[in-house]
Amino acid sequence: MRFRPNMNGIRSLMRTPEAGREVERIASRIKSSAESATGGEFRTDSALGPRRWRAAVIGNYEKHNDAEGTRSALLRGMDGAGSE
């Protein structure tokens, strides 16, 4: 027997308001965790795309021209958000 996921059903679930709230909640947790790890300033952005809700945690604006520092802070934020 072969498993075949119902992709239309999955896509419809990924576009619900509830899924959007969950995506925004997780992005907010990552933002908060990254800010507390570095003291920097981050922000979130979310939108309903063609297939699903998407969100992003954007930059550490206090550390200009420090891409590696921003990347490290975001990775630590993701680790911190996942452990709560």
N, C-alpha and C. Protein backbone atom coordinates (compact mmCIF):
# COMPACT_ATOMS: atom_id res chain seq x y z
N MET A 1 0.84 -1.17 0.00
CA MET A 1 0.00 0.00 0.00
C MET A 1 0.89 1.24 0.00
N ARG A 2 0.57 2.17 -0.85
CA ARG A 2 1.37 3.38 -0.99
C ARG A 2 0.63 4.57 -0.38
N PHE A 3 1.34 5.36 0.40
CA PHE A 3 0.76 6.54 1.02
C PHE A 3 0.75 7.69 0.02
N ARG A 4 -0.41 8.30 -0.16
CA ARG A 4 -0.54 9.47 -1.03
C ARG A 4 -1.20 10.59 -0.24
N PRO A 5 -0.42 11.60 0.08
CA PRO A 5 -1.02 12.71 0.84
C PRO A 5 -2.03 13.48 -0.01
N ASN A 6 -3.04 13.99 0.63
CA ASN A 6 -4.05 14.81 -0.04
C ASN A 6 -3.50 16.24 -0.11
N MET A 7 -2.77 16.56 -1.18
CA MET A 7 -2.09 17.85 -1.29
C MET A 7 -3.07 19.02 -1.33
N ASN A 8 -4.22 18.84 -1.95
CA ASN A 8 -5.21 19.92 -1.95
C ASN A 8 -5.69 20.22 -0.54
N GLY A 9 -5.90 19.18 0.23
CA GLY A 9 -6.31 19.35 1.62
C GLY A 9 -5.22 20.01 2.45
N ILE A 10 -3.98 19.58 2.25
CA ILE A 10 -2.85 20.18 2.98
C ILE A 10 -2.72 21.66 2.62
N ARG A 11 -2.80 21.98 1.33
CA ARG A 11 -2.70 23.38 0.91
C ARG A 11 -3.82 24.23 1.52
N SER A 12 -5.02 23.68 1.55
CA SER A 12 -6.13 24.46 2.12
C SER A 12 -5.92 24.68 3.61
N LEU A 13 -5.37 23.70 4.33
CA LEU A 13 -5.08 23.88 5.75
C LEU A 13 -3.99 24.92 5.98
N MET A 14 -3.00 24.96 5.10
CA MET A 14 -1.88 25.89 5.25
C MET A 14 -2.28 27.34 4.94
N ARG A 15 -3.49 27.55 4.45
CA ARG A 15 -3.96 28.89 4.12
C ARG A 15 -5.02 29.40 5.10
N THR A 16 -5.32 28.65 6.14
CA THR A 16 -6.37 29.05 7.08
C THR A 16 -5.87 30.17 8.00
N PRO A 17 -6.80 30.95 8.56
CA PRO A 17 -6.40 31.98 9.52
C PRO A 17 -5.67 31.40 10.74
N GLU A 18 -6.05 30.21 11.15
CA GLU A 18 -5.40 29.57 12.29
C GLU A 18 -3.93 29.28 11.99
N ALA A 19 -3.66 28.79 10.78
CA ALA A 19 -2.27 28.53 10.38
C ALA A 19 -1.50 29.84 10.34
N GLY A 20 -2.12 30.90 9.87
CA GLY A 20 -1.48 32.22 9.83
C GLY A 20 -1.12 32.71 11.22
N ARG A 21 -2.03 32.53 12.18
CA ARG A 21 -1.74 32.95 13.56
C ARG A 21 -0.59 32.15 14.14
N GLU A 22 -0.53 30.86 13.84
CA GLU A 22 0.55 30.02 14.36
C GLU A 22 1.89 30.41 13.75
N VAL A 23 1.92 30.69 12.46
CA VAL A 23 3.15 31.13 11.79
C VAL A 23 3.62 32.45 12.41
N GLU A 24 2.68 33.39 12.64
CA GLU A 24 3.03 34.67 13.24
C GLU A 24 3.52 34.50 14.68
N ARG A 25 2.91 33.57 15.42
CA ARG A 25 3.31 33.32 16.82
C ARG A 25 4.74 32.79 16.87
N ILE A 26 5.06 31.85 16.00
CA ILE A 26 6.41 31.28 15.98
C ILE A 26 7.44 32.33 15.58
N ALA A 27 7.12 33.16 14.56
CA ALA A 27 8.03 34.22 14.14
C ALA A 27 8.25 35.21 15.29
N SER A 28 7.21 35.51 16.04
CA SER A 28 7.33 36.42 17.17
C SER A 28 8.22 35.84 18.26
N ARG A 29 8.12 34.54 18.52
CA ARG A 29 8.98 33.88 19.51
C ARG A 29 10.43 33.93 19.07
N ILE A 30 10.69 33.70 17.79
CA ILE A 30 12.06 33.77 17.28
C ILE A 30 12.60 35.19 17.43
N LYS A 31 11.78 36.18 17.09
CA LYS A 31 12.18 37.59 17.22
C LYS A 31 12.54 37.92 18.66
N SER A 32 11.67 37.56 19.58
CA SER A 32 11.92 37.85 21.00
C SER A 32 13.18 37.17 21.50
N SER A 33 13.37 35.94 21.11
CA SER A 33 14.55 35.20 21.54
C SER A 33 15.83 35.79 20.95
N ALA A 34 15.80 36.19 19.68
CA ALA A 34 16.97 36.81 19.05
C ALA A 34 17.29 38.15 19.71
N GLU A 35 16.26 38.93 20.02
CA GLU A 35 16.47 40.22 20.68
C GLU A 35 17.09 40.05 22.06
N SER A 36 16.61 39.07 22.80
CA SER A 36 17.14 38.88 24.15
C SER A 36 18.57 38.34 24.11
N ALA A 37 18.92 37.61 23.05
CA ALA A 37 20.28 37.07 22.94
C ALA A 37 21.30 38.14 22.59
N THR A 38 20.88 39.18 21.87
CA THR A 38 21.85 40.17 21.39
C THR A 38 21.54 41.59 21.84
N GLY A 39 20.33 41.84 22.29
CA GLY A 39 19.93 43.20 22.61
C GLY A 39 19.66 44.02 21.36
N GLY A 40 19.65 43.38 20.21
CA GLY A 40 19.42 44.08 18.96
C GLY A 40 17.95 44.31 18.68
N GLU A 41 17.69 44.93 17.56
CA GLU A 41 16.32 45.24 17.15
C GLU A 41 15.95 44.40 15.94
N PHE A 42 14.94 43.57 16.09
CA PHE A 42 14.44 42.72 15.03
C PHE A 42 12.98 43.05 14.80
N ARG A 43 12.44 42.65 13.66
CA ARG A 43 11.01 42.79 13.41
C ARG A 43 10.53 41.59 12.60
N THR A 44 9.23 41.41 12.56
CA THR A 44 8.66 40.29 11.82
C THR A 44 7.77 40.81 10.70
N ASP A 45 7.61 39.96 9.71
CA ASP A 45 6.70 40.25 8.61
C ASP A 45 6.07 38.92 8.21
N SER A 46 4.77 38.93 7.97
CA SER A 46 4.10 37.70 7.54
C SER A 46 3.08 38.05 6.47
N ALA A 47 2.82 37.06 5.61
CA ALA A 47 1.86 37.26 4.53
C ALA A 47 1.36 35.91 4.05
N LEU A 48 0.16 35.94 3.51
CA LEU A 48 -0.40 34.75 2.89
C LEU A 48 0.09 34.71 1.46
N GLY A 49 0.92 33.72 1.16
CA GLY A 49 1.43 33.56 -0.19
C GLY A 49 0.48 32.73 -1.04
N PRO A 50 0.89 32.40 -2.25
CA PRO A 50 0.01 31.63 -3.13
C PRO A 50 -0.30 30.22 -2.63
N ARG A 51 0.58 29.66 -1.80
CA ARG A 51 0.35 28.29 -1.33
C ARG A 51 0.22 28.15 0.18
N ARG A 52 0.77 29.14 0.93
CA ARG A 52 0.77 28.98 2.39
C ARG A 52 1.11 30.32 3.05
N TRP A 53 0.93 30.37 4.37
CA TRP A 53 1.37 31.51 5.16
C TRP A 53 2.89 31.46 5.26
N ARG A 54 3.50 32.61 5.19
CA ARG A 54 4.95 32.69 5.37
C ARG A 54 5.26 33.86 6.30
N ALA A 55 6.36 33.73 7.03
CA ALA A 55 6.78 34.81 7.92
C ALA A 55 8.30 34.89 7.89
N ALA A 56 8.80 36.06 8.25
CA ALA A 56 10.24 36.27 8.31
C ALA A 56 10.56 37.11 9.54
N VAL A 57 11.71 36.83 10.11
CA VAL A 57 12.27 37.68 11.16
C VAL A 57 13.40 38.44 10.49
N ILE A 58 13.34 39.77 10.60
CA ILE A 58 14.21 40.61 9.80
C ILE A 58 15.19 41.36 10.68
N GLY A 59 16.43 41.31 10.29
CA GLY A 59 17.61 42.04 10.70
C GLY A 59 17.82 42.55 12.10
N ASN A 60 19.05 42.70 12.42
CA ASN A 60 19.51 43.33 13.64
C ASN A 60 20.05 44.68 13.21
N TYR A 61 19.23 45.71 13.29
CA TYR A 61 19.60 47.00 12.71
C TYR A 61 20.60 47.78 13.53
N GLU A 62 20.86 47.35 14.75
CA GLU A 62 21.86 48.05 15.56
C GLU A 62 23.28 47.69 15.13
N LYS A 63 23.46 46.59 14.44
CA LYS A 63 24.78 46.15 14.00
C LYS A 63 24.86 46.25 12.49
N HIS A 64 25.06 47.45 11.99
CA HIS A 64 25.15 47.65 10.55
C HIS A 64 26.39 46.96 9.99
N ASN A 65 26.25 46.43 8.81
CA ASN A 65 27.34 45.75 8.10
C ASN A 65 27.90 44.55 8.87
N ASP A 66 27.06 43.91 9.67
CA ASP A 66 27.49 42.74 10.42
C ASP A 66 26.56 41.58 10.10
N ALA A 67 26.63 41.11 8.86
CA ALA A 67 25.73 40.05 8.41
C ALA A 67 25.92 38.78 9.23
N GLU A 68 27.16 38.44 9.56
CA GLU A 68 27.40 37.21 10.32
C GLU A 68 26.84 37.32 11.73
N GLY A 69 26.94 38.50 12.34
CA GLY A 69 26.36 38.71 13.68
C GLY A 69 24.85 38.58 13.64
N THR A 70 24.21 39.14 12.62
CA THR A 70 22.77 39.04 12.47
C THR A 70 22.36 37.60 12.24
N ARG A 71 23.08 36.90 11.40
CA ARG A 71 22.79 35.49 11.12
C ARG A 71 22.91 34.67 12.40
N SER A 72 23.96 34.89 13.16
CA SER A 72 24.16 34.15 14.41
C SER A 72 23.03 34.43 15.40
N ALA A 73 22.62 35.70 15.50
CA ALA A 73 21.54 36.05 16.42
C ALA A 73 20.24 35.37 16.01
N LEU A 74 19.95 35.35 14.71
CA LEU A 74 18.72 34.69 14.25
C LEU A 74 18.77 33.19 14.51
N LEU A 75 19.92 32.56 14.29
CA LEU A 75 20.04 31.13 14.55
C LEU A 75 19.88 30.84 16.03
N ARG A 76 20.47 31.67 16.89
CA ARG A 76 20.28 31.49 18.34
C ARG A 76 18.82 31.73 18.71
N GLY A 77 18.19 32.69 18.04
CA GLY A 77 16.77 32.95 18.30
C GLY A 77 15.91 31.76 17.93
N MET A 78 16.22 31.13 16.82
CA MET A 78 15.46 29.94 16.41
C MET A 78 15.66 28.81 17.41
N ASP A 79 16.90 28.64 17.88
CA ASP A 79 17.17 27.61 18.88
C ASP A 79 16.40 27.91 20.17
N GLY A 80 16.41 29.17 20.58
CA GLY A 80 15.73 29.56 21.80
C GLY A 80 14.22 29.43 21.69
N ALA A 81 13.67 29.79 20.54
CA ALA A 81 12.23 29.70 20.35
C ALA A 81 11.77 28.24 20.33
N GLY A 82 12.61 27.36 19.82
CA GLY A 82 12.25 25.96 19.75
C GLY A 82 12.31 25.25 21.09
N SER A 83 13.06 25.80 22.05
CA SER A 83 13.21 25.12 23.33
C SER A 83 12.18 25.53 24.37
N GLU A 84 11.32 26.51 24.03
CA GLU A 84 10.31 26.95 25.00
C GLU A 84 9.13 26.02 25.02
